[in-house]
Protein backbone atom coordinates (compact mmCIF):
# COMPACT_ATOMS: atom_id res chain seq x y z
CA MET A 1 13.47 20.79 -7.28
CA ASN A 2 11.06 18.61 -5.26
CA LEU A 3 10.24 15.49 -7.14
CA PRO A 4 8.41 12.64 -5.68
CA MET A 5 10.70 9.60 -4.70
CA SER A 6 8.44 7.37 -6.67
CA GLN A 7 9.59 9.14 -9.96
CA THR A 8 12.16 7.22 -11.99
CA LEU A 9 14.43 8.02 -14.91
CA LEU A 10 14.32 5.68 -18.15
CA MET A 11 17.61 5.62 -19.98
CA ILE A 12 17.55 3.96 -23.46
CA THR A 13 20.98 3.37 -24.93
CA GLY A 14 23.25 0.52 -25.78
CA ILE A 15 26.43 2.22 -24.76
CA ALA A 16 28.71 0.16 -22.65
CA GLY A 17 29.09 2.65 -19.88
CA ALA A 18 25.30 3.00 -19.39
CA GLU A 19 25.25 1.63 -15.85
CA SER A 20 28.12 3.83 -14.65
CA CYS A 21 26.22 6.75 -16.05
CA ALA A 22 22.89 5.53 -14.27
CA SER A 23 24.80 5.32 -11.14
CA ASN A 24 26.05 8.83 -11.59
CA LEU A 25 22.51 10.07 -12.20
CA VAL A 26 21.13 8.20 -9.10
CA ARG A 27 24.11 9.62 -6.93
CA ASN A 28 23.62 13.33 -8.21
CA LEU A 29 19.91 13.43 -8.66
CA GLY A 30 18.52 11.03 -6.10
CA ILE A 31 16.41 9.50 -8.70
CA PRO A 32 16.17 5.86 -9.69
CA VAL A 33 17.37 4.89 -13.14
CA GLU A 34 16.30 2.19 -15.41
CA ILE A 35 18.17 1.11 -18.38
CA ALA A 36 16.78 -0.15 -21.57
CA ALA A 37 19.56 -1.31 -24.19
CA ASN A 38 17.39 -0.86 -27.12
CA ARG A 39 13.95 0.72 -28.73
CA LYS A 40 12.10 -2.41 -28.09
CA LEU A 41 13.05 -2.86 -24.43
CA GLY A 42 12.45 0.89 -24.01
CA LEU A 43 9.03 0.64 -25.32
CA ALA A 44 8.22 -2.28 -23.05
CA ALA A 45 9.56 -0.37 -19.92
CA LEU A 46 7.13 2.58 -21.16
CA ARG A 47 4.29 0.27 -21.19
CA ARG A 48 4.88 -1.01 -17.72
CA ARG A 49 5.07 2.47 -15.79
CA GLU A 50 5.44 6.05 -16.24
CA TYR A 51 8.74 7.94 -15.80
CA ALA A 52 9.67 11.45 -14.86
CA ALA A 53 12.14 11.64 -17.96
CA VAL A 54 12.99 9.42 -21.03
CA ILE A 55 16.60 9.90 -21.91
CA VAL A 56 17.15 8.37 -25.50
CA ASP A 57 20.59 7.96 -27.13
CA GLU A 58 20.66 9.89 -30.44
CA SER A 59 22.12 6.88 -32.29
CA ILE A 60 18.88 5.15 -31.65
CA ILE A 61 16.85 7.95 -32.84
CA GLU A 62 18.98 8.25 -36.02
CA SER A 63 18.98 4.74 -36.82
CA ASP A 64 15.28 4.40 -36.27
CA PRO A 65 13.21 7.50 -36.62
CA ALA A 66 9.83 5.78 -36.63
CA GLY A 67 10.74 3.81 -33.71
CA ALA A 68 11.87 6.86 -31.94
CA GLU A 69 8.60 8.58 -32.65
CA LEU A 70 6.80 5.64 -31.00
CA LEU A 71 9.16 6.08 -27.92
CA TRP A 72 7.85 9.77 -27.70
CA LYS A 73 4.35 8.86 -28.17
CA HIS A 74 4.56 6.33 -25.34
CA SER A 75 6.47 8.51 -23.01
CA ALA A 76 3.13 10.14 -21.46
CA LEU A 77 4.10 13.00 -19.22
CA ALA A 78 7.68 12.01 -18.97
CA VAL A 79 10.17 14.68 -20.06
CA PRO A 80 11.88 13.55 -23.41
CA ILE A 81 15.67 14.23 -23.44
CA GLN A 82 17.49 13.25 -26.68
CA ILE A 83 21.32 12.84 -25.84
CA ASN A 84 24.43 11.97 -27.89
CA PHE A 85 26.07 9.71 -25.15
CA ALA A 86 29.24 9.48 -27.39
CA LEU A 87 29.86 13.32 -27.10
CA LEU A 88 28.10 14.07 -23.47
CA GLY A 89 29.78 12.99 -20.21
CA CYS A 90 27.77 11.70 -17.42
CA ALA A 91 28.18 14.89 -15.34
CA ARG A 92 26.65 17.15 -18.04
CA LEU A 93 24.01 14.59 -18.61
CA GLY A 94 23.08 15.04 -14.92
CA ARG A 95 22.77 18.76 -15.34
CA GLU A 96 20.75 18.35 -18.50
CA VAL A 97 18.25 15.99 -16.83
CA LYS A 98 17.94 18.22 -13.65
CA ALA A 99 17.31 21.33 -15.84
CA ALA A 100 14.65 19.32 -17.99
CA LEU A 101 12.82 18.31 -14.83
CA ALA A 102 13.11 21.92 -13.25
CA ARG A 103 11.60 23.28 -16.45
CA ARG A 104 8.79 20.60 -16.31
CA GLU A 105 7.96 21.37 -12.68
CA GLN A 106 7.86 25.11 -13.56
CA GLU A 107 5.54 24.47 -16.60
CA GLN A 108 3.23 22.36 -14.22
CA LEU A 109 3.14 24.93 -11.53
CA LEU A 110 2.34 27.69 -14.19
CA ALA A 111 -0.35 25.41 -15.64
CA MET A 112 -1.87 24.75 -12.01
CA ARG A 113 -1.89 28.54 -11.34
CA ALA A 114 -3.72 29.33 -14.70
CA ALA A 115 -6.37 26.62 -14.12
CA THR A 116 -6.78 27.87 -10.36
CA SER A 117 -7.07 31.35 -11.93
CA SER A 118 -9.63 30.39 -14.42
CA LEU A 119 -11.79 28.40 -11.94
CA GLU A 120 -11.74 31.22 -9.48
CA ASN A 121 -13.09 33.51 -12.24
CA GLU A 122 -15.74 31.11 -13.12
CA LEU A 123 -16.78 30.98 -9.38
CA LYS A 124 -16.81 34.55 -8.94
CA SER A 125 -19.02 35.04 -11.87
CA THR A 126 -21.45 32.48 -10.84
CA VAL A 127 -21.52 33.59 -7.31
CA THR A 128 -22.18 37.20 -8.35
CA GLY A 129 -25.04 36.09 -10.58
CA LEU A 130 -26.43 34.07 -7.63
CA LEU A 131 -26.21 37.08 -5.32
CA LEU A 132 -27.81 39.39 -7.96
CA GLN A 133 -30.59 37.13 -8.62
CA SER A 134 -31.30 36.38 -4.81
CA GLU A 135 -31.15 40.09 -4.10
CA LEU A 136 -33.91 40.64 -6.91
CA ALA A 137 -35.96 38.01 -5.79
CA LEU A 138 -35.93 39.31 -2.18
CA ALA A 139 -36.97 42.80 -3.49
CA GLU A 140 -39.96 41.58 -4.96
CA PRO A 141 -43.08 42.85 -3.01
CA SER A 142 -45.19 39.81 -3.08
CA VAL A 143 -42.56 37.39 -1.47
CA PRO A 144 -43.92 35.34 1.23
CA PRO A 145 -42.07 35.76 4.54
CA HIS A 146 -40.95 32.13 4.68
CA LEU A 147 -39.48 32.39 1.20
CA ALA A 148 -38.04 35.72 2.20
CA ALA A 149 -35.95 34.23 5.15
CA LYS A 150 -34.56 31.52 2.75
CA LEU A 151 -33.63 34.35 0.19
CA LYS A 152 -32.10 36.19 2.73
CA LEU A 153 -30.06 33.07 3.81
CA MET A 154 -28.99 32.61 0.06
CA VAL A 155 -27.86 36.33 -0.15
CA GLU A 156 -25.60 35.93 3.03
CA LEU A 157 -24.22 32.76 1.71
CA ALA A 158 -23.40 33.93 -1.72
CA GLY A 159 -22.01 37.08 -0.17
CA THR A 160 -19.75 35.04 2.22
CA LEU A 161 -18.60 32.95 -0.61
CA ARG A 162 -17.85 36.11 -2.83
CA ARG A 163 -15.74 37.48 0.12
CA GLN A 164 -13.75 34.22 0.49
CA LEU A 165 -13.14 34.05 -3.25
CA GLU A 166 -11.99 37.69 -3.31
CA GLN A 167 -9.46 37.31 -0.55
CA PRO A 168 -5.81 37.02 -1.97
CA ARG A 169 -4.32 33.50 -2.24
CA ILE A 170 -1.17 33.01 -0.22
């Protein structure tokens, strides 16, 4: 998993061992962790910056469902992770976070590929239209010689662009 170093995790929990768990996450994942002891502090942190993931203690969610909804809404692109800190050990939390971040990275990669493919298809269609219209204009018998030279250049440029778009991506 290749996450930029600028990414940080936000852990929202009031448990006593939160600092120890955060240290374990930093050690195992190499990602900084901020701790917010309650929902209000968590919302304040989410307003200050973006996070790679927001880990929220289930007890906070169960005690204040409307407040929890606010947390999820303000988490932007962060991966939302709901954890029962009372039942889940820090090692397992690390695995859960790592898996969630890997899933998000895979989703982003697939979305980028789909967007790239869509854009390439649109460009190919436009270039084909340009090429066809340029060739049709060039085939007109009454095209002045100075305009014919420009149309030939358009045909060549559109053809070059079309070939470049048809080359497989690495």
